[in-house]
Amino acid sequence: MHQRSLSAAFIRVKRATLIAAVITIFSLGVGAEKARGDALGLTDGNYAIHIEIGFGPTIDAALTIGPTPLFVTSFHGNIFDCTGCNVGSPGNPDVVQVNDGSEFRIDDPTLFGLKLVIGGFATYFLPPCDEICIASLDGSWTARAVPAVPEPMTATLLLLGIGALGLRQRLRSKQT
């Protein structure tokens, strides 16, 4: 009988500890926000970009801002392509000339160039365009946020794991 009361007391302590742990986990998560960056007037995230160049091409691209660094970190559209988008890094395969938050400039190996500026202004550079461009066409760009694939919530996974362990323990105790 004494062992049974100790066992019941132990179960109550385990439950109280579990409840305290769950409350602590949820209270730590309250108010936690994702860091936000800002480049080209856009907060960090994924975007579908539509670029209209007068008397030139229309470019539809995928663009990612931040979160670290707080600049363009990915651009893929038409002949322009960079991952990481570090200034001066060749082999992206394109070379990024400027990426400072207010302007993004990328040059393709065929020596075409594209510049996006905060406020929706775009410039398309015609060859030859290495570091100095002779001819250009002006246009505009717009961005539409594309929802990212949501990451599983840590607290939910933790609670699921704790619940599975509790169920396993309950099933074991019924067997004995």
Foldseek 3Di string as FASTA:
>chain_A
DVVVVVVVVVVVVVVVVVVVVLVVVVVVPPPDDDDWAAALRDIFAKKWKWWDWVVDDIKTWIWGADPPPRWTQWIDIDQDGAHHQDAQDDPSPWHWPDIDRQKTKIAGPVCWIKMRGRPFKIKIADPVHDPDGDDITITGMDIDGDDDDDDDDPSVVVVVVVVVVVVVVVVVVVVD
